[in-house]
Amino acid sequence: MTFEMIKKNYDRGLWNKQMVKVAVVKNVITAEQYFEITGETYVA
């Protein structure tokens, strides 16, 4: 899974914010990338 794939899935409605948070926890994306995808600041 890459940042681009996660963003695309989020934009299509296939992923929700909780799923994107899990990607941050698993170090697949950064907190900054979480913001770029969701428009919200990541809060652990």
PDB file of N, CA and C in Angstrom:
ATOM      1  N   MET A   1       0.852  -1.179   0.000  1.00  0.00           N
ATOM      2  CA  MET A   1       0.000   0.000   0.000  1.00  0.00           C
ATOM      3  C   MET A   1       0.897   1.240   0.000  1.00  0.00           C
ATOM      4  N   THR A   2       0.548   2.193  -0.824  1.00  0.00           N
ATOM      5  CA  THR A   2       1.319   3.432  -0.919  1.00  0.00           C
ATOM      6  C   THR A   2       0.427   4.618  -0.586  1.00  0.00           C
ATOM      7  N   PHE A   3       1.060   5.766  -0.382  1.00  0.00           N
ATOM      8  CA  PHE A   3       0.315   6.994  -0.133  1.00  0.00           C
ATOM      9  C   PHE A   3      -0.688   7.247  -1.251  1.00  0.00           C
ATOM     10  N   GLU A   4      -0.248   7.095  -2.492  1.00  0.00           N
ATOM     11  CA  GLU A   4      -1.117   7.361  -3.633  1.00  0.00           C
ATOM     12  C   GLU A   4      -2.337   6.450  -3.632  1.00  0.00           C
ATOM     13  N   MET A   5      -2.140   5.177  -3.320  1.00  0.00           N
ATOM     14  CA  MET A   5      -3.254   4.229  -3.289  1.00  0.00           C
ATOM     15  C   MET A   5      -4.229   4.568  -2.159  1.00  0.00           C
ATOM     16  N   ILE A   6      -3.691   4.918  -1.008  1.00  0.00           N
ATOM     17  CA  ILE A   6      -4.545   5.262   0.128  1.00  0.00           C
ATOM     18  C   ILE A   6      -5.356   6.509  -0.187  1.00  0.00           C
ATOM     19  N   LYS A   7      -4.709   7.519  -0.763  1.00  0.00           N
ATOM     20  CA  LYS A   7      -5.414   8.754  -1.114  1.00  0.00           C
ATOM     21  C   LYS A   7      -6.519   8.484  -2.123  1.00  0.00           C
ATOM     22  N   LYS A   8      -6.220   7.692  -3.127  1.00  0.00           N
ATOM     23  CA  LYS A   8      -7.200   7.369  -4.155  1.00  0.00           C
ATOM     24  C   LYS A   8      -8.397   6.631  -3.539  1.00  0.00           C
ATOM     25  N   ASN A   9      -8.122   5.670  -2.669  1.00  0.00           N
ATOM     26  CA  ASN A   9      -9.200   4.923  -2.016  1.00  0.00           C
ATOM     27  C   ASN A   9     -10.033   5.817  -1.108  1.00  0.00           C
ATOM     28  N   TYR A  10      -9.398   6.741  -0.399  1.00  0.00           N
ATOM     29  CA  TYR A  10     -10.118   7.681   0.466  1.00  0.00           C
ATOM     30  C   TYR A  10     -10.990   8.605  -0.381  1.00  0.00           C
ATOM     31  N   ASP A  11     -10.421   9.121  -1.454  1.00  0.00           N
ATOM     32  CA  ASP A  11     -11.168  10.033  -2.327  1.00  0.00           C
ATOM     33  C   ASP A  11     -12.369   9.343  -2.972  1.00  0.00           C
ATOM     34  N   ARG A  12     -12.267   8.066  -3.234  1.00  0.00           N
ATOM     35  CA  ARG A  12     -13.376   7.298  -3.831  1.00  0.00           C
ATOM     36  C   ARG A  12     -14.400   6.845  -2.794  1.00  0.00           C
ATOM     37  N   GLY A  13     -14.086   7.065  -1.512  1.00  0.00           N
ATOM     38  CA  GLY A  13     -15.011   6.654  -0.466  1.00  0.00           C
ATOM     39  C   GLY A  13     -14.845   5.214  -0.028  1.00  0.00           C
ATOM     40  N   LEU A  14     -13.768   4.577  -0.485  1.00  0.00           N
ATOM     41  CA  LEU A  14     -13.523   3.185  -0.115  1.00  0.00           C
ATOM     42  C   LEU A  14     -12.853   3.075   1.251  1.00  0.00           C
ATOM     43  N   TRP A  15     -12.157   4.133   1.652  1.00  0.00           N
ATOM     44  CA  TRP A  15     -11.510   4.186   2.970  1.00  0.00           C
ATOM     45  C   TRP A  15     -12.110   5.337   3.766  1.00  0.00           C
ATOM     46  N   ASN A  16     -12.222   5.141   5.092  1.00  0.00           N
ATOM     47  CA  ASN A  16     -12.658   6.228   5.965  1.00  0.00           C
ATOM     48  C   ASN A  16     -11.446   6.743   6.749  1.00  0.00           C
ATOM     49  N   LYS A  17     -11.660   7.776   7.557  1.00  0.00           N
ATOM     50  CA  LYS A  17     -10.546   8.387   8.299  1.00  0.00           C
ATOM     51  C   LYS A  17      -9.899   7.407   9.261  1.00  0.00           C
ATOM     52  N   GLN A  18     -10.693   6.539   9.865  1.00  0.00           N
ATOM     53  CA  GLN A  18     -10.128   5.559  10.794  1.00  0.00           C
ATOM     54  C   GLN A  18      -9.161   4.621  10.076  1.00  0.00           C
ATOM     55  N   MET A  19      -9.500   4.234   8.887  1.00  0.00           N
ATOM     56  CA  MET A  19      -8.623   3.348   8.115  1.00  0.00           C
ATOM     57  C   MET A  19      -7.321   4.063   7.754  1.00  0.00           C
ATOM     58  N   VAL A  20      -7.413   5.354   7.444  1.00  0.00           N
ATOM     59  CA  VAL A  20      -6.206   6.127   7.132  1.00  0.00           C
ATOM     60  C   VAL A  20      -5.348   6.273   8.391  1.00  0.00           C
ATOM     61  N   LYS A  21      -5.995   6.436   9.563  1.00  0.00           N
ATOM     62  CA  LYS A  21      -5.246   6.515  10.830  1.00  0.00           C
ATOM     63  C   LYS A  21      -4.455   5.236  11.074  1.00  0.00           C
ATOM     64  N   VAL A  22      -5.038   4.106  10.759  1.00  0.00           N
ATOM     65  CA  VAL A  22      -4.342   2.829  10.938  1.00  0.00           C
ATOM     66  C   VAL A  22      -3.078   2.799  10.070  1.00  0.00           C
ATOM     67  N   ALA A  23      -3.149   3.374   8.900  1.00  0.00           N
ATOM     68  CA  ALA A  23      -1.971   3.426   8.029  1.00  0.00           C
ATOM     69  C   ALA A  23      -0.860   4.263   8.669  1.00  0.00           C
ATOM     70  N   VAL A  24      -1.228   5.315   9.402  1.00  0.00           N
ATOM     71  CA  VAL A  24      -0.220   6.118  10.111  1.00  0.00           C
ATOM     72  C   VAL A  24       0.387   5.293  11.239  1.00  0.00           C
ATOM     73  N   VAL A  25      -0.450   4.625  12.017  1.00  0.00           N
ATOM     74  CA  VAL A  25       0.020   3.806  13.138  1.00  0.00           C
ATOM     75  C   VAL A  25       0.992   2.730  12.650  1.00  0.00           C
ATOM     76  N   LYS A  26       0.718   2.159  11.483  1.00  0.00           N
ATOM     77  CA  LYS A  26       1.563   1.094  10.933  1.00  0.00           C
ATOM     78  C   LYS A  26       2.749   1.647  10.134  1.00  0.00           C
ATOM     79  N   ASN A  27       2.949   2.977  10.200  1.00  0.00           N
ATOM     80  CA  ASN A  27       4.065   3.632   9.514  1.00  0.00           C
ATOM     81  C   ASN A  27       4.061   3.435   8.005  1.00  0.00           C
ATOM     82  N   VAL A  28       2.868   3.335   7.434  1.00  0.00           N
ATOM     83  CA  VAL A  28       2.750   3.260   5.980  1.00  0.00           C
ATOM     84  C   VAL A  28       2.763   4.667   5.397  1.00  0.00           C
ATOM     85  N   ILE A  29       2.125   5.608   6.115  1.00  0.00           N
ATOM     86  CA  ILE A  29       2.141   7.020   5.746  1.00  0.00           C
ATOM     87  C   ILE A  29       2.483   7.836   6.989  1.00  0.00           C
ATOM     88  N   THR A  30       2.823   9.101   6.783  1.00  0.00           N
ATOM     89  CA  THR A  30       3.163   9.986   7.896  1.00  0.00           C
ATOM     90  C   THR A  30       1.928  10.765   8.344  1.00  0.00           C
ATOM     91  N   ALA A  31       2.056  11.421   9.491  1.00  0.00           N
ATOM     92  CA  ALA A  31       0.976  12.274   9.986  1.00  0.00           C
ATOM     93  C   ALA A  31       0.726  13.428   9.010  1.00  0.00           C
ATOM     94  N   GLU A  32       1.774  13.908   8.365  1.00  0.00           N
ATOM     95  CA  GLU A  32       1.621  14.974   7.379  1.00  0.00           C
ATOM     96  C   GLU A  32       0.826  14.473   6.169  1.00  0.00           C
ATOM     97  N   GLN A  33       1.075  13.244   5.768  1.00  0.00           N
ATOM     98  CA  GLN A  33       0.324  12.666   4.660  1.00  0.00           C
ATOM     99  C   GLN A  33      -1.130  12.418   5.053  1.00  0.00           C
ATOM    100  N   TYR A  34      -1.378  12.086   6.315  1.00  0.00           N
ATOM    101  CA  TYR A  34      -2.749  11.944   6.807  1.00  0.00           C
ATOM    102  C   TYR A  34      -3.493  13.254   6.603  1.00  0.00           C
ATOM    103  N   PHE A  35      -2.839  14.368   6.948  1.00  0.00           N
ATOM    104  CA  PHE A  35      -3.449  15.683   6.765  1.00  0.00           C
ATOM    105  C   PHE A  35      -3.716  15.950   5.283  1.00  0.00           C
ATOM    106  N   GLU A  36      -2.757  15.583   4.442  1.00  0.00           N
ATOM    107  CA  GLU A  36      -2.909  15.796   3.007  1.00  0.00           C
ATOM    108  C   GLU A  36      -4.095  15.006   2.449  1.00  0.00           C
ATOM    109  N   ILE A  37      -4.337  13.827   2.985  1.00  0.00           N
ATOM    110  CA  ILE A  37      -5.428  12.979   2.505  1.00  0.00           C
ATOM    111  C   ILE A  37      -6.770  13.454   3.050  1.00  0.00           C
ATOM    112  N   THR A  38      -6.837  13.696   4.364  1.00  0.00           N
ATOM    113  CA  THR A  38      -8.135  13.961   5.010  1.00  0.00           C
ATOM    114  C   THR A  38      -8.432  15.444   5.223  1.00  0.00           C
ATOM    115  N   GLY A  39      -7.401  16.273   5.230  1.00  0.00           N
ATOM    116  CA  GLY A  39      -7.605  17.695   5.516  1.00  0.00           C
ATOM    117  C   GLY A  39      -7.711  17.984   7.007  1.00  0.00           C
ATOM    118  N   GLU A  40      -7.451  16.975   7.822  1.00  0.00           N
ATOM    119  CA  GLU A  40      -7.501  17.123   9.279  1.00  0.00           C
ATOM    120  C   GLU A  40      -6.153  16.738   9.878  1.00  0.00           C
ATOM    121  N   THR A  41      -5.840  17.367  11.003  1.00  0.00           N
ATOM    122  CA  THR A  41      -4.608  17.047  11.718  1.00  0.00           C
ATOM    123  C   THR A  41      -4.727  15.676  12.368  1.00  0.00           C
ATOM    124  N   TYR A  42      -3.664  14.884  12.241  1.00  0.00           N
ATOM    125  CA  TYR A  42      -3.658  13.554  12.859  1.00  0.00           C
ATOM    126  C   TYR A  42      -3.524  13.679  14.371  1.00  0.00           C
ATOM    127  N   VAL A  43      -4.420  13.015  15.096  1.00  0.00           N
ATOM    128  CA  VAL A  43      -4.373  12.951  16.554  1.00  0.00           C
ATOM    129  C   VAL A  43      -4.347  11.489  16.941  1.00  0.00           C
ATOM    130  N   ALA A  44      -3.296  11.088  17.645  1.00  0.00           N
ATOM    131  CA  ALA A  44      -3.140   9.680  18.025  1.00  0.00           C
ATOM    132  C   ALA A  44      -4.199   9.234  18.997  1.00  0.00           C
TER     133      ALA A  44
END
